[in-house]
N, C-alpha and C. Protein backbone atom coordinates (compact mmCIF):
# COMPACT_ATOMS: atom_id res chain seq x y z
N UNK A 1 30.37 -0.52 -4.25
CA UNK A 1 30.04 -1.28 -3.64
C UNK A 1 31.13 -1.73 -2.28
N UNK A 2 30.85 -2.35 -0.96
CA UNK A 2 31.02 -2.72 0.28
C UNK A 2 30.24 -3.68 0.65
N UNK A 3 31.71 -4.73 0.81
CA UNK A 3 31.16 -5.78 1.44
C UNK A 3 31.60 -6.23 3.14
N UNK A 4 30.71 -7.00 3.68
CA UNK A 4 30.95 -6.98 4.34
C UNK A 4 30.54 -8.82 4.72
N UNK A 5 31.36 -8.55 5.85
CA UNK A 5 31.91 -10.26 5.93
C UNK A 5 32.04 -10.67 7.99
N UNK A 6 30.99 -11.31 8.26
CA UNK A 6 30.92 -11.39 9.78
C UNK A 6 31.54 -12.37 10.46
N UNK A 7 32.32 -12.34 11.32
CA UNK A 7 33.00 -13.79 11.94
C UNK A 7 32.82 -13.18 13.23
N UNK A 8 33.42 -14.42 14.26
CA UNK A 8 33.07 -14.33 16.31
C UNK A 8 32.43 -15.48 16.89
N UNK A 9 30.74 -15.32 16.05
CA UNK A 9 29.50 -16.13 16.06
C UNK A 9 29.71 -17.61 17.36
N UNK A 10 29.43 -17.68 17.47
CA UNK A 10 29.43 -19.38 18.09
C UNK A 10 28.63 -19.90 19.05
N UNK A 11 29.16 -21.32 19.85
CA UNK A 11 28.30 -21.43 20.71
C UNK A 11 28.68 -21.10 22.38
N UNK A 12 28.06 -20.55 22.90
CA UNK A 12 28.18 -20.01 24.88
C UNK A 12 26.77 -20.09 26.16
N UNK A 13 27.99 -20.50 26.19
CA UNK A 13 27.25 -20.42 28.31
C UNK A 13 26.27 -18.92 28.39
N UNK A 14 25.79 -19.59 28.85
CA UNK A 14 25.19 -18.19 29.76
C UNK A 14 25.93 -17.67 30.73
N UNK A 15 26.10 -16.44 30.98
CA UNK A 15 26.89 -15.13 31.53
C UNK A 15 28.56 -15.44 31.15
N UNK A 16 28.94 -15.83 29.57
CA UNK A 16 29.55 -15.90 28.68
C UNK A 16 30.23 -14.49 27.90
N UNK A 17 30.68 -14.86 26.90
CA UNK A 17 30.94 -13.41 26.00
C UNK A 17 31.65 -13.75 24.43
N UNK A 18 31.47 -13.83 23.87
CA UNK A 18 32.23 -13.44 22.69
C UNK A 18 32.46 -11.83 21.68
N UNK A 19 33.19 -11.60 20.69
CA UNK A 19 33.79 -11.13 20.08
C UNK A 19 33.50 -11.16 18.46
N UNK A 20 32.62 -10.51 17.82
CA UNK A 20 32.07 -9.92 16.65
C UNK A 20 32.95 -9.32 16.10
N UNK A 21 33.23 -9.91 14.82
CA UNK A 21 33.91 -8.55 14.33
C UNK A 21 33.00 -8.41 12.39
N UNK A 22 33.52 -7.28 11.79
CA UNK A 22 32.86 -7.02 10.49
C UNK A 22 33.51 -6.86 9.41
N UNK A 23 34.13 -7.63 8.76
CA UNK A 23 35.35 -6.65 7.64
C UNK A 23 34.63 -6.15 6.21
N UNK A 24 35.45 -4.44 7.03
CA UNK A 24 34.63 -4.15 5.24
C UNK A 24 35.83 -3.92 4.21
N UNK A 25 35.70 -4.00 2.83
CA UNK A 25 35.87 -4.27 2.06
C UNK A 25 35.51 -3.45 1.02
N UNK A 26 36.17 -2.44 -0.73
CA UNK A 26 35.44 -1.81 -1.13
C UNK A 26 35.66 -0.55 -1.00
N UNK A 27 34.33 0.18 -1.43
CA UNK A 27 34.67 1.59 -1.60
C UNK A 27 33.75 2.09 -0.49
N UNK A 28 34.68 2.49 1.02
CA UNK A 28 33.56 2.59 2.44
C UNK A 28 33.88 4.18 2.50
N UNK A 29 34.34 4.75 1.45
CA UNK A 29 34.22 6.58 1.23
C UNK A 29 31.99 6.04 2.39
N UNK A 30 32.29 7.69 2.54
CA UNK A 30 31.36 8.36 2.70
C UNK A 30 30.14 7.24 3.76
N UNK A 31 30.63 6.02 4.82
CA UNK A 31 29.73 6.33 5.76
C UNK A 31 29.32 6.67 6.52
N UNK A 32 28.26 6.31 7.31
CA UNK A 32 27.87 7.64 7.67
C UNK A 32 27.86 6.78 9.12
N UNK A 33 27.41 5.13 8.66
CA UNK A 33 27.64 5.03 10.23
C UNK A 33 27.43 3.71 10.79
N UNK A 34 27.48 2.78 11.57
CA UNK A 34 28.01 1.24 11.51
C UNK A 34 26.93 0.72 12.41
N UNK A 35 26.40 -0.92 11.91
CA UNK A 35 25.83 -0.61 13.18
C UNK A 35 25.59 -2.38 13.48
N UNK A 36 25.08 -3.55 15.01
CA UNK A 36 25.15 -4.24 14.52
C UNK A 36 23.28 -4.49 14.74
N UNK A 37 23.15 -5.36 14.03
CA UNK A 37 21.72 -6.08 14.42
C UNK A 37 21.01 -7.22 14.33
N UNK A 38 20.33 -7.60 15.27
CA UNK A 38 20.19 -8.96 15.03
C UNK A 38 18.75 -9.21 14.79
N UNK A 39 19.04 -10.58 14.64
CA UNK A 39 17.56 -11.92 14.50
C UNK A 39 17.30 -13.25 14.99
N UNK A 40 15.99 -12.76 15.04
CA UNK A 40 16.95 -14.46 16.22
C UNK A 40 15.17 -14.58 15.77
N UNK A 41 13.76 -15.24 16.89
CA UNK A 41 13.19 -16.30 16.98
C UNK A 41 11.32 -15.74 16.09
N UNK A 42 11.95 -14.51 16.02
CA UNK A 42 11.04 -13.73 15.03
C UNK A 42 10.91 -13.27 13.69
N UNK A 43 12.50 -13.34 13.17
CA UNK A 43 12.84 -13.33 12.43
C UNK A 43 12.42 -11.55 12.54
N UNK A 44 12.05 -11.27 13.12
CA UNK A 44 12.43 -9.30 12.91
C UNK A 44 13.79 -9.63 12.64
N UNK A 45 14.99 -8.45 12.53
CA UNK A 45 15.62 -7.62 12.15
C UNK A 45 15.73 -7.08 13.65
N UNK A 46 16.78 -6.63 14.22
CA UNK A 46 16.48 -5.42 15.95
C UNK A 46 17.70 -4.81 15.70
N UNK A 47 18.18 -3.43 15.95
CA UNK A 47 19.54 -2.59 16.08
C UNK A 47 19.76 -3.07 17.67
N UNK A 48 21.34 -3.49 18.41
CA UNK A 48 22.06 -4.37 19.23
C UNK A 48 22.50 -2.72 19.15
N UNK A 49 24.00 -2.44 18.30
CA UNK A 49 23.73 -1.11 18.82
C UNK A 49 24.65 -0.39 17.38
N UNK A 50 24.09 1.01 17.33
CA UNK A 50 25.18 1.50 15.99
C UNK A 50 26.27 2.57 16.79
N UNK A 51 27.79 3.14 15.64
CA UNK A 51 28.47 4.77 15.95
C UNK A 51 28.04 4.65 14.96
N UNK A 52 28.70 6.27 15.22
CA UNK A 52 28.02 6.97 13.89
C UNK A 52 29.18 7.61 13.98
N UNK A 53 29.19 9.36 13.30
CA UNK A 53 31.09 9.67 12.85
C UNK A 53 31.58 9.65 13.63
N UNK A 54 31.37 10.94 14.80
CA UNK A 54 31.43 10.86 15.89
C UNK A 54 31.79 10.15 17.12
N UNK A 55 32.18 8.32 16.51
CA UNK A 55 32.29 7.26 17.88
C UNK A 55 31.05 7.13 19.12
N UNK A 56 29.55 8.46 18.82
CA UNK A 56 28.63 8.64 19.43
C UNK A 56 28.48 7.24 18.99
N UNK A 57 28.07 6.13 20.73
CA UNK A 57 27.76 4.78 20.56
C UNK A 57 26.07 4.65 21.36
N UNK A 58 24.98 3.43 20.55
CA UNK A 58 23.73 4.11 20.51
C UNK A 58 23.44 2.12 21.10
N UNK A 59 23.06 2.26 22.02
CA UNK A 59 22.48 0.87 22.37
C UNK A 59 20.85 0.42 22.54
N UNK A 60 21.12 -0.75 22.04
CA UNK A 60 19.39 -1.01 23.29
C UNK A 60 19.23 -1.34 23.95
N UNK A 61 18.38 -1.02 25.09
CA UNK A 61 18.30 -1.39 26.06
C UNK A 61 18.64 -2.75 26.58
N UNK A 62 17.59 -3.66 26.25
CA UNK A 62 18.30 -4.85 25.95
C UNK A 62 19.96 -5.54 26.39
N UNK A 63 20.63 -4.57 26.13
CA UNK A 63 22.07 -5.05 25.80
C UNK A 63 22.96 -3.99 26.46
N UNK A 64 21.97 -3.06 27.30
CA UNK A 64 23.37 -1.77 27.56
C UNK A 64 24.17 -2.51 28.90
N UNK A 65 25.40 -1.84 28.74
CA UNK A 65 26.04 -2.14 29.97
C UNK A 65 26.38 -3.93 30.25
N UNK A 66 26.74 -4.15 28.22
CA UNK A 66 26.56 -5.51 28.47
C UNK A 66 28.25 -5.89 27.39
N UNK A 67 27.16 -4.73 26.66
CA UNK A 67 27.91 -5.19 25.32
C UNK A 67 28.41 -3.24 24.26
N UNK A 68 29.73 -3.52 23.80
CA UNK A 68 29.90 -2.75 23.34
C UNK A 68 30.44 -2.74 21.77
N UNK A 69 29.90 -1.97 21.05
CA UNK A 69 29.96 -1.26 19.79
C UNK A 69 32.16 -0.73 19.59
N UNK A 70 32.14 -0.71 18.53
CA UNK A 70 33.42 -0.30 18.12
C UNK A 70 34.71 -0.07 16.96
N UNK A 71 35.35 0.59 16.63
CA UNK A 71 35.60 0.07 15.20
C UNK A 71 36.96 0.06 15.61
N UNK A 72 37.41 0.34 14.16
CA UNK A 72 39.63 -0.02 14.25
C UNK A 72 39.40 0.83 12.74
N UNK A 73 39.89 2.77 12.57
CA UNK A 73 39.40 2.67 10.84
C UNK A 73 40.84 1.83 9.80
N UNK A 74 41.44 1.86 10.89
CA UNK A 74 43.06 1.32 9.81
C UNK A 74 42.56 0.21 9.06
N UNK A 75 41.73 -0.86 10.08
CA UNK A 75 41.33 -2.02 9.89
C UNK A 75 40.74 -2.14 9.20
N UNK A 76 40.17 -0.98 8.72
CA UNK A 76 37.98 -1.14 8.41
C UNK A 76 37.28 -2.41 8.51
N UNK A 77 36.92 -2.44 10.19
CA UNK A 77 36.76 -3.76 11.31
C UNK A 77 35.89 -3.08 12.14
N UNK A 78 34.49 -3.36 11.98
CA UNK A 78 33.86 -2.88 13.23
C UNK A 78 33.68 -4.25 14.52
N UNK A 79 33.18 -4.14 15.61
CA UNK A 79 33.32 -4.68 16.16
C UNK A 79 32.34 -5.27 17.49
N UNK A 80 31.90 -5.77 18.30
CA UNK A 80 31.23 -6.25 19.14
C UNK A 80 31.04 -6.81 19.75
N UNK A 81 31.66 -6.01 21.26
CA UNK A 81 31.52 -7.06 22.33
C UNK A 81 31.01 -6.91 23.24
N UNK A 82 30.95 -8.94 23.83
CA UNK A 82 29.65 -8.76 24.34
C UNK A 82 29.37 -9.69 25.50
N UNK A 83 28.52 -9.15 26.24
CA UNK A 83 29.84 -10.14 28.31
C UNK A 83 28.03 -10.36 28.46
N UNK A 84 29.02 -11.04 29.37
CA UNK A 84 27.03 -11.61 30.41
C UNK A 84 26.27 -12.11 29.66
N UNK A 85 26.67 -12.99 28.64
CA UNK A 85 25.07 -13.19 27.58
C UNK A 85 24.23 -13.92 28.44
N UNK A 86 23.12 -13.88 27.62
CA UNK A 86 22.37 -14.52 27.52
C UNK A 86 21.44 -15.10 26.81
N UNK A 87 20.23 -16.04 27.13
CA UNK A 87 19.53 -17.08 26.21
C UNK A 87 18.87 -15.79 25.03
N UNK A 88 18.31 -15.51 25.41
CA UNK A 88 17.81 -14.49 24.44
C UNK A 88 18.71 -13.50 24.15
N UNK A 89 19.72 -13.95 23.91
CA UNK A 89 20.86 -12.51 22.67
C UNK A 89 21.07 -13.14 21.95
N UNK A 90 20.65 -14.41 21.50
CA UNK A 90 20.88 -15.43 20.09
C UNK A 90 20.22 -14.98 19.74
N UNK A 91 20.80 -15.35 18.27
CA UNK A 91 20.48 -15.35 17.13
C UNK A 91 21.43 -15.16 15.68
N UNK A 92 21.27 -14.42 14.53
CA UNK A 92 22.55 -14.04 13.71
C UNK A 92 21.95 -12.58 13.95
N UNK A 93 23.60 -12.35 14.08
CA UNK A 93 23.95 -10.93 13.96
C UNK A 93 24.81 -10.55 12.22
N UNK A 94 23.98 -9.58 12.48
CA UNK A 94 24.45 -8.79 10.89
C UNK A 94 25.09 -7.02 11.10
N UNK A 95 25.75 -7.21 10.42
CA UNK A 95 26.88 -5.57 10.47
C UNK A 95 25.97 -4.54 9.41
N UNK A 96 26.20 -4.02 9.35
CA UNK A 96 25.15 -2.77 8.37
C UNK A 96 25.86 -1.01 8.39
N UNK A 97 26.63 -1.35 7.60
CA UNK A 97 26.99 0.61 6.79
C UNK A 97 26.09 1.27 6.71
N UNK A 98 26.01 2.17 5.98
CA UNK A 98 25.06 3.60 5.79
C UNK A 98 26.60 3.89 5.18
N UNK A 99 25.91 4.65 4.05
CA UNK A 99 26.12 5.86 3.34
C UNK A 99 25.15 6.71 3.03
N UNK A 100 26.40 8.22 3.41
CA UNK A 100 25.10 9.11 3.04
C UNK A 100 24.34 9.22 4.18
N UNK A 101 24.01 9.93 4.99
CA UNK A 101 23.52 9.30 5.97
C UNK A 101 22.00 8.21 5.83
N UNK A 102 21.99 6.66 5.47
CA UNK A 102 21.46 6.21 5.15
C UNK A 102 20.62 5.85 3.31
N UNK A 103 21.12 6.79 2.45
CA UNK A 103 20.11 6.77 0.77
C UNK A 103 20.66 5.01 0.75
N UNK A 104 22.16 4.65 0.94
CA UNK A 104 22.22 3.32 0.54
C UNK A 104 23.06 2.17 2.14
N UNK A 105 22.43 0.99 2.38
CA UNK A 105 22.74 0.38 3.06
C UNK A 105 23.65 -0.98 2.32
N UNK A 106 24.50 -1.74 3.66
CA UNK A 106 24.77 -2.85 2.74
C UNK A 106 25.15 -3.77 3.91
N UNK A 107 24.90 -5.05 3.91
CA UNK A 107 24.79 -5.88 5.07
C UNK A 107 25.97 -6.46 4.58
N UNK A 108 26.01 -7.45 6.17
CA UNK A 108 26.37 -8.60 5.54
C UNK A 108 26.43 -10.14 5.66
N UNK A 109 26.71 -11.18 5.98
CA UNK A 109 26.03 -12.35 5.96
C UNK A 109 25.34 -12.91 6.81
N UNK A 110 25.65 -12.94 8.24
CA UNK A 110 25.60 -13.08 9.53
C UNK A 110 26.50 -13.90 9.81
N UNK A 111 26.08 -13.60 11.49
CA UNK A 111 27.12 -14.62 11.93
C UNK A 111 26.24 -15.39 13.16
N UNK A 112 25.79 -16.77 13.73
CA UNK A 112 24.96 -16.76 14.08
C UNK A 112 25.91 -17.41 15.87
N UNK A 113 25.00 -16.30 16.80
CA UNK A 113 25.41 -16.11 17.78
C UNK A 113 24.58 -17.05 19.32
N UNK A 114 24.34 -18.86 19.61
CA UNK A 114 23.56 -19.60 20.36
C UNK A 114 24.02 -19.68 21.72
N UNK A 115 23.28 -18.69 23.27
CA UNK A 115 23.30 -19.07 24.62
C UNK A 115 22.83 -19.68 24.63
N UNK A 116 23.44 -20.60 25.31
CA UNK A 116 22.72 -22.38 26.25
C UNK A 116 22.84 -21.99 27.49
N UNK A 117 21.65 -21.89 27.69
CA UNK A 117 21.04 -22.24 29.60
C UNK A 117 21.44 -22.66 30.56
């Protein structure tokens, strides 16, 4: 089992920045990918950024050039640096860890990000 705890959300004005963290504990061997998802008004959980074993990052078009996903293996922590925030970035952000190519998936409880116009 893997436990994930997100933090760093909050209220920020348009153009501001936030850094989200996702601390992992438990058995993290075999984790093949880590991602951040956003759930907005549509209640659909969309992928925002994803990082694989080779640290190759993939971003949603809507956040390219503004968000950066990274990880600290020593601290078992995943990060999402968010800059130039827009009101449409508002939502609950979840981190997700996949084990063995997605055969098992773990989710955090989410952290709220609100961007005011």
